[in-house]
Amino acid sequence: MPERLKTAIAPWLTVSEGEKAVVFYKAAFGAVETYRLQDPGAGFVVRLSINGAEFWVSEGGDEIAKDTSLGGDNIRLILIVDDPDAIFSQALKAGASEIFPVGEGHGWRLGRLADPFGLHWEIGFELS
């Protein structure tokens, strides 16, 4: 009998400029590409990993670019890391925009930024 898999939830981000998103996430967060399915004429799907935390990226057409209900404040990703200040700074240098700087409050050391594709990322860790 095969070993049971660990249950996990991995976000799937569909953005209007998927290849640019993959490049950004690698530069901003140190993401590593662990899987790619490329279909000429039909697009691609990429799985990225940030120290074992996985998420997926694909490219959508004009309907994604025009859909302002996605991203921003209604979909937020929380990237939990040991050094949020360094990752936050790295992401800003890669092209992210600061929403609020890394600071402490509500039991967390955390900052929020928007990636170039309109998605908000909170980067930090829970204080003990």
N, C-alpha and C. Protein backbone atom coordinates (compact mmCIF):
# COMPACT_ATOMS: atom_id res chain seq x y z
N MET A 1 0.84 -1.17 0.00
CA MET A 1 0.00 0.00 0.00
C MET A 1 0.89 1.25 0.00
N PRO A 2 0.60 2.22 -0.88
CA PRO A 2 1.45 3.42 -0.93
C PRO A 2 1.31 4.27 0.33
N GLU A 3 2.36 5.02 0.63
CA GLU A 3 2.35 5.91 1.78
C GLU A 3 1.33 7.02 1.57
N ARG A 4 0.60 7.36 2.62
CA ARG A 4 -0.40 8.43 2.52
C ARG A 4 0.28 9.78 2.35
N LEU A 5 -0.32 10.60 1.53
CA LEU A 5 0.20 11.94 1.33
C LEU A 5 -0.25 12.86 2.46
N LYS A 6 0.56 13.84 2.76
CA LYS A 6 0.20 14.86 3.73
C LYS A 6 -0.83 15.78 3.08
N THR A 7 -1.89 16.08 3.80
CA THR A 7 -2.90 17.00 3.29
C THR A 7 -2.32 18.41 3.25
N ALA A 8 -2.57 19.12 2.15
CA ALA A 8 -2.05 20.47 1.99
C ALA A 8 -2.99 21.28 1.10
N ILE A 9 -2.91 22.58 1.21
CA ILE A 9 -3.61 23.48 0.31
C ILE A 9 -2.55 24.34 -0.36
N ALA A 10 -2.57 24.36 -1.68
CA ALA A 10 -1.60 25.15 -2.43
C ALA A 10 -2.34 26.12 -3.33
N PRO A 11 -2.15 27.43 -3.15
CA PRO A 11 -2.82 28.40 -4.01
C PRO A 11 -2.42 28.23 -5.47
N TRP A 12 -3.36 28.52 -6.36
CA TRP A 12 -3.11 28.52 -7.79
C TRP A 12 -3.41 29.94 -8.27
N LEU A 13 -2.37 30.64 -8.71
CA LEU A 13 -2.50 32.02 -9.13
C LEU A 13 -2.55 32.08 -10.66
N THR A 14 -3.63 32.58 -11.20
CA THR A 14 -3.74 32.78 -12.64
C THR A 14 -3.68 34.27 -12.89
N VAL A 15 -2.65 34.70 -13.60
CA VAL A 15 -2.42 36.12 -13.84
C VAL A 15 -2.29 36.36 -15.34
N SER A 16 -2.38 37.63 -15.74
CA SER A 16 -2.36 37.95 -17.16
C SER A 16 -0.97 37.80 -17.78
N GLU A 17 0.08 37.88 -16.98
CA GLU A 17 1.45 37.75 -17.49
C GLU A 17 2.18 36.68 -16.69
N GLY A 18 1.84 35.44 -16.97
CA GLY A 18 2.33 34.32 -16.18
C GLY A 18 3.83 34.16 -16.15
N GLU A 19 4.48 34.26 -17.30
CA GLU A 19 5.95 34.10 -17.32
C GLU A 19 6.63 35.19 -16.52
N LYS A 20 6.13 36.42 -16.62
CA LYS A 20 6.69 37.51 -15.83
C LYS A 20 6.46 37.26 -14.34
N ALA A 21 5.32 36.66 -14.00
CA ALA A 21 5.02 36.34 -12.61
C ALA A 21 6.02 35.32 -12.07
N VAL A 22 6.30 34.30 -12.84
CA VAL A 22 7.25 33.27 -12.41
C VAL A 22 8.62 33.91 -12.15
N VAL A 23 9.07 34.76 -13.05
CA VAL A 23 10.36 35.45 -12.89
C VAL A 23 10.33 36.31 -11.63
N PHE A 24 9.22 37.03 -11.42
CA PHE A 24 9.11 37.89 -10.25
C PHE A 24 9.17 37.07 -8.96
N TYR A 25 8.40 35.99 -8.85
CA TYR A 25 8.37 35.21 -7.62
C TYR A 25 9.73 34.57 -7.32
N LYS A 26 10.46 34.23 -8.35
CA LYS A 26 11.82 33.71 -8.14
C LYS A 26 12.72 34.80 -7.57
N ALA A 27 12.65 36.00 -8.16
CA ALA A 27 13.51 37.10 -7.71
C ALA A 27 13.07 37.65 -6.35
N ALA A 28 11.76 37.79 -6.16
CA ALA A 28 11.24 38.42 -4.95
C ALA A 28 11.31 37.54 -3.72
N PHE A 29 10.97 36.26 -3.89
CA PHE A 29 10.83 35.37 -2.74
C PHE A 29 11.79 34.19 -2.75
N GLY A 30 12.65 34.12 -3.74
CA GLY A 30 13.57 32.98 -3.84
C GLY A 30 12.87 31.70 -4.22
N ALA A 31 11.74 31.80 -4.91
CA ALA A 31 10.98 30.61 -5.31
C ALA A 31 11.79 29.77 -6.29
N VAL A 32 11.57 28.47 -6.22
CA VAL A 32 12.24 27.51 -7.09
C VAL A 32 11.17 26.78 -7.90
N GLU A 33 11.38 26.68 -9.18
CA GLU A 33 10.44 25.97 -10.05
C GLU A 33 10.62 24.47 -9.87
N THR A 34 9.54 23.78 -9.49
CA THR A 34 9.63 22.35 -9.24
C THR A 34 8.85 21.52 -10.26
N TYR A 35 8.04 22.18 -11.08
CA TYR A 35 7.25 21.46 -12.09
C TYR A 35 6.81 22.47 -13.14
N ARG A 36 6.80 22.04 -14.39
CA ARG A 36 6.29 22.87 -15.48
C ARG A 36 5.61 21.98 -16.50
N LEU A 37 4.41 22.36 -16.88
CA LEU A 37 3.69 21.72 -17.97
C LEU A 37 3.49 22.79 -19.03
N GLN A 38 4.14 22.64 -20.15
CA GLN A 38 4.09 23.60 -21.25
C GLN A 38 3.35 22.95 -22.41
N ASP A 39 2.32 23.61 -22.90
CA ASP A 39 1.55 23.11 -24.03
C ASP A 39 1.50 24.21 -25.08
N PRO A 40 2.27 24.08 -26.16
CA PRO A 40 2.28 25.12 -27.19
C PRO A 40 0.85 25.44 -27.65
N GLY A 41 0.53 26.70 -27.59
CA GLY A 41 -0.80 27.13 -28.00
C GLY A 41 -1.83 27.10 -26.89
N ALA A 42 -1.55 26.39 -25.80
CA ALA A 42 -2.53 26.30 -24.71
C ALA A 42 -1.99 26.87 -23.40
N GLY A 43 -0.76 27.35 -23.39
CA GLY A 43 -0.21 27.96 -22.19
C GLY A 43 0.63 27.03 -21.36
N PHE A 44 0.74 27.35 -20.09
CA PHE A 44 1.62 26.61 -19.18
C PHE A 44 1.06 26.65 -17.77
N VAL A 45 1.59 25.73 -16.96
CA VAL A 45 1.34 25.69 -15.52
C VAL A 45 2.68 25.43 -14.86
N VAL A 46 3.01 26.21 -13.83
CA VAL A 46 4.27 26.06 -13.13
C VAL A 46 3.97 25.91 -11.64
N ARG A 47 4.66 24.95 -11.00
CA ARG A 47 4.61 24.83 -9.54
C ARG A 47 5.90 25.43 -9.01
N LEU A 48 5.76 26.34 -8.04
CA LEU A 48 6.90 26.97 -7.40
C LEU A 48 6.93 26.59 -5.93
N SER A 49 8.11 26.59 -5.36
CA SER A 49 8.29 26.26 -3.95
C SER A 49 9.17 27.32 -3.29
N ILE A 50 8.72 27.78 -2.14
CA ILE A 50 9.53 28.68 -1.31
C ILE A 50 9.80 27.91 -0.02
N ASN A 51 10.98 27.33 0.07
CA ASN A 51 11.36 26.51 1.23
C ASN A 51 10.30 25.46 1.57
N GLY A 52 9.76 24.82 0.55
CA GLY A 52 8.79 23.75 0.75
C GLY A 52 7.34 24.19 0.71
N ALA A 53 7.07 25.48 0.75
CA ALA A 53 5.70 26.00 0.64
C ALA A 53 5.40 26.18 -0.85
N GLU A 54 4.47 25.39 -1.35
CA GLU A 54 4.23 25.35 -2.79
C GLU A 54 3.01 26.17 -3.21
N PHE A 55 3.11 26.72 -4.42
CA PHE A 55 1.98 27.36 -5.07
C PHE A 55 2.15 27.23 -6.58
N TRP A 56 1.08 27.46 -7.29
CA TRP A 56 1.04 27.24 -8.74
C TRP A 56 0.78 28.57 -9.44
N VAL A 57 1.32 28.70 -10.65
CA VAL A 57 1.11 29.89 -11.46
C VAL A 57 0.77 29.46 -12.88
N SER A 58 -0.25 30.10 -13.43
CA SER A 58 -0.57 29.92 -14.85
C SER A 58 -0.96 31.27 -15.42
N GLU A 59 -1.10 31.30 -16.72
CA GLU A 59 -1.43 32.55 -17.40
C GLU A 59 -2.85 32.51 -17.91
N GLY A 60 -3.58 33.59 -17.65
CA GLY A 60 -4.94 33.71 -18.15
C GLY A 60 -5.00 34.74 -19.26
N GLY A 61 -6.08 34.77 -19.98
CA GLY A 61 -6.24 35.71 -21.08
C GLY A 61 -6.78 37.04 -20.62
N ASP A 62 -7.41 37.74 -21.55
CA ASP A 62 -7.94 39.07 -21.28
C ASP A 62 -8.95 39.08 -20.14
N GLU A 63 -9.68 37.97 -19.95
CA GLU A 63 -10.69 37.94 -18.89
C GLU A 63 -10.04 38.07 -17.52
N ILE A 64 -8.81 37.58 -17.36
CA ILE A 64 -8.10 37.70 -16.09
C ILE A 64 -7.61 39.13 -15.92
N ALA A 65 -7.04 39.70 -16.97
CA ALA A 65 -6.50 41.04 -16.89
C ALA A 65 -7.58 42.07 -16.57
N LYS A 66 -8.80 41.82 -17.01
CA LYS A 66 -9.90 42.77 -16.80
C LYS A 66 -10.68 42.51 -15.52
N ASP A 67 -10.45 41.40 -14.85
CA ASP A 67 -11.22 41.03 -13.66
C ASP A 67 -10.60 41.68 -12.43
N THR A 68 -11.15 42.82 -12.02
CA THR A 68 -10.60 43.53 -10.86
C THR A 68 -11.06 42.93 -9.54
N SER A 69 -11.95 41.93 -9.57
CA SER A 69 -12.40 41.33 -8.32
C SER A 69 -11.37 40.35 -7.76
N LEU A 70 -10.37 39.98 -8.56
CA LEU A 70 -9.33 39.06 -8.10
C LEU A 70 -8.15 39.84 -7.57
N GLY A 71 -7.53 39.32 -6.55
CA GLY A 71 -6.33 39.94 -6.02
C GLY A 71 -6.66 41.06 -5.05
N GLY A 72 -5.66 41.93 -4.85
CA GLY A 72 -5.86 43.03 -3.93
C GLY A 72 -6.18 42.54 -2.54
N ASP A 73 -7.26 43.07 -1.99
CA ASP A 73 -7.58 42.78 -0.60
C ASP A 73 -8.48 41.57 -0.42
N ASN A 74 -9.12 41.08 -1.49
CA ASN A 74 -10.03 39.95 -1.30
C ASN A 74 -9.32 38.60 -1.39
N ILE A 75 -8.13 38.55 -1.94
CA ILE A 75 -7.30 37.35 -1.93
C ILE A 75 -5.93 37.78 -1.44
N ARG A 76 -5.53 37.27 -0.28
CA ARG A 76 -4.22 37.60 0.27
C ARG A 76 -3.47 36.32 0.54
N LEU A 77 -2.17 36.35 0.31
CA LEU A 77 -1.32 35.21 0.61
C LEU A 77 -0.43 35.60 1.78
N ILE A 78 -0.24 34.68 2.70
CA ILE A 78 0.64 34.93 3.83
C ILE A 78 1.86 34.03 3.67
N LEU A 79 3.00 34.66 3.51
CA LEU A 79 4.28 33.95 3.38
C LEU A 79 4.97 34.03 4.74
N ILE A 80 5.05 32.89 5.43
CA ILE A 80 5.63 32.84 6.77
C ILE A 80 7.11 32.47 6.62
N VAL A 81 7.96 33.39 7.06
CA VAL A 81 9.41 33.22 6.92
C VAL A 81 10.11 33.66 8.21
N ASP A 82 11.35 33.23 8.39
CA ASP A 82 12.14 33.60 9.56
C ASP A 82 12.56 35.06 9.55
N ASP A 83 12.84 35.61 8.36
CA ASP A 83 13.36 36.98 8.25
C ASP A 83 12.48 37.79 7.30
N PRO A 84 11.33 38.26 7.77
CA PRO A 84 10.42 38.98 6.88
C PRO A 84 11.02 40.28 6.35
N ASP A 85 11.88 40.93 7.13
CA ASP A 85 12.47 42.18 6.67
C ASP A 85 13.29 41.97 5.40
N ALA A 86 14.09 40.91 5.38
CA ALA A 86 14.94 40.63 4.21
C ALA A 86 14.10 40.26 2.99
N ILE A 87 13.11 39.39 3.17
CA ILE A 87 12.27 38.96 2.04
C ILE A 87 11.44 40.14 1.54
N PHE A 88 10.92 40.95 2.44
CA PHE A 88 10.12 42.13 2.07
C PHE A 88 10.97 43.07 1.22
N SER A 89 12.18 43.35 1.67
CA SER A 89 13.09 44.23 0.93
C SER A 89 13.43 43.64 -0.45
N GLN A 90 13.67 42.35 -0.48
CA GLN A 90 13.99 41.66 -1.74
C GLN A 90 12.82 41.78 -2.72
N ALA A 91 11.60 41.62 -2.22
CA ALA A 91 10.41 41.71 -3.07
C ALA A 91 10.23 43.13 -3.62
N LEU A 92 10.48 44.14 -2.78
CA LEU A 92 10.38 45.53 -3.25
C LEU A 92 11.39 45.79 -4.36
N LYS A 93 12.60 45.30 -4.20
CA LYS A 93 13.63 45.47 -5.23
C LYS A 93 13.25 44.76 -6.53
N ALA A 94 12.47 43.68 -6.41
CA ALA A 94 12.06 42.92 -7.60
C ALA A 94 10.84 43.53 -8.29
N GLY A 95 10.23 44.56 -7.67
CA GLY A 95 9.13 45.24 -8.33
C GLY A 95 7.81 45.28 -7.58
N ALA A 96 7.77 44.79 -6.35
CA ALA A 96 6.55 44.85 -5.55
C ALA A 96 6.34 46.28 -5.03
N SER A 97 5.11 46.57 -4.59
CA SER A 97 4.77 47.86 -4.01
C SER A 97 4.37 47.66 -2.56
N GLU A 98 4.88 48.51 -1.68
CA GLU A 98 4.58 48.40 -0.26
C GLU A 98 3.15 48.85 0.02
N ILE A 99 2.42 48.03 0.76
CA ILE A 99 1.10 48.40 1.28
C ILE A 99 1.29 48.94 2.70
N PHE A 100 1.98 48.17 3.55
CA PHE A 100 2.44 48.68 4.83
C PHE A 100 3.74 47.97 5.18
N PRO A 101 4.67 48.67 5.86
CA PRO A 101 5.99 48.10 6.13
C PRO A 101 5.94 47.01 7.19
N VAL A 102 7.01 46.26 7.26
CA VAL A 102 7.12 45.23 8.29
C VAL A 102 7.17 45.90 9.65
N GLY A 103 6.34 45.42 10.54
CA GLY A 103 6.28 45.95 11.90
C GLY A 103 5.66 44.90 12.81
N GLU A 104 5.45 45.25 14.05
CA GLU A 104 4.86 44.31 15.00
C GLU A 104 3.51 44.79 15.46
N GLY A 105 2.56 43.86 15.49
CA GLY A 105 1.22 44.16 15.97
C GLY A 105 0.36 42.93 15.92
N HIS A 106 -0.60 42.84 16.83
CA HIS A 106 -1.54 41.73 16.88
C HIS A 106 -0.83 40.38 16.98
N GLY A 107 0.34 40.36 17.62
CA GLY A 107 1.06 39.11 17.82
C GLY A 107 1.89 38.65 16.64
N TRP A 108 2.09 39.50 15.65
CA TRP A 108 2.86 39.13 14.45
C TRP A 108 3.92 40.18 14.15
N ARG A 109 4.99 39.76 13.51
CA ARG A 109 5.93 40.65 12.82
C ARG A 109 5.60 40.46 11.35
N LEU A 110 5.10 41.52 10.70
CA LEU A 110 4.45 41.33 9.41
C LEU A 110 4.45 42.63 8.61
N GLY A 111 4.57 42.50 7.30
CA GLY A 111 4.38 43.62 6.37
C GLY A 111 3.56 43.13 5.20
N ARG A 112 2.95 44.07 4.48
CA ARG A 112 2.15 43.69 3.31
C ARG A 112 2.62 44.45 2.08
N LEU A 113 2.66 43.70 0.96
CA LEU A 113 3.02 44.32 -0.31
C LEU A 113 2.11 43.78 -1.41
N ALA A 114 2.10 44.49 -2.52
CA ALA A 114 1.36 44.04 -3.70
C ALA A 114 2.38 43.65 -4.75
N ASP A 115 2.19 42.49 -5.35
CA ASP A 115 3.09 42.10 -6.44
C ASP A 115 2.67 42.86 -7.71
N PRO A 116 3.48 42.81 -8.76
CA PRO A 116 3.14 43.55 -9.98
C PRO A 116 1.87 43.07 -10.68
N PHE A 117 1.27 42.00 -10.19
CA PHE A 117 0.09 41.40 -10.82
C PHE A 117 -1.17 41.66 -10.01
N GLY A 118 -1.05 42.49 -8.95
CA GLY A 118 -2.20 42.91 -8.17
C GLY A 118 -2.52 42.05 -6.96
N LEU A 119 -1.74 41.02 -6.71
CA LEU A 119 -1.99 40.15 -5.55
C LEU A 119 -1.25 40.67 -4.32
N HIS A 120 -1.91 40.62 -3.17
CA HIS A 120 -1.32 41.09 -1.93
C HIS A 120 -0.68 39.92 -1.17
N TRP A 121 0.52 40.17 -0.67
CA TRP A 121 1.28 39.19 0.10
C TRP A 121 1.59 39.80 1.46
N GLU A 122 1.23 39.08 2.52
CA GLU A 122 1.67 39.46 3.85
C GLU A 122 2.85 38.56 4.18
N ILE A 123 3.95 39.19 4.62
CA ILE A 123 5.20 38.46 4.84
C ILE A 123 5.59 38.66 6.30
N GLY A 124 5.73 37.56 7.03
CA GLY A 124 6.11 37.68 8.42
C GLY A 124 6.05 36.39 9.19
N PHE A 125 5.96 36.51 10.51
CA PHE A 125 5.84 35.34 11.37
C PHE A 125 5.10 35.73 12.64
N GLU A 126 4.50 34.71 13.27
CA GLU A 126 3.78 34.93 14.52
C GLU A 126 4.78 35.00 15.67
N LEU A 127 4.65 36.04 16.47
CA LEU A 127 5.53 36.21 17.62
C LEU A 127 5.12 35.22 18.70
N SER A 128 6.11 34.69 19.43
CA SER A 128 5.76 33.72 20.47
C SER A 128 5.76 34.35 21.83
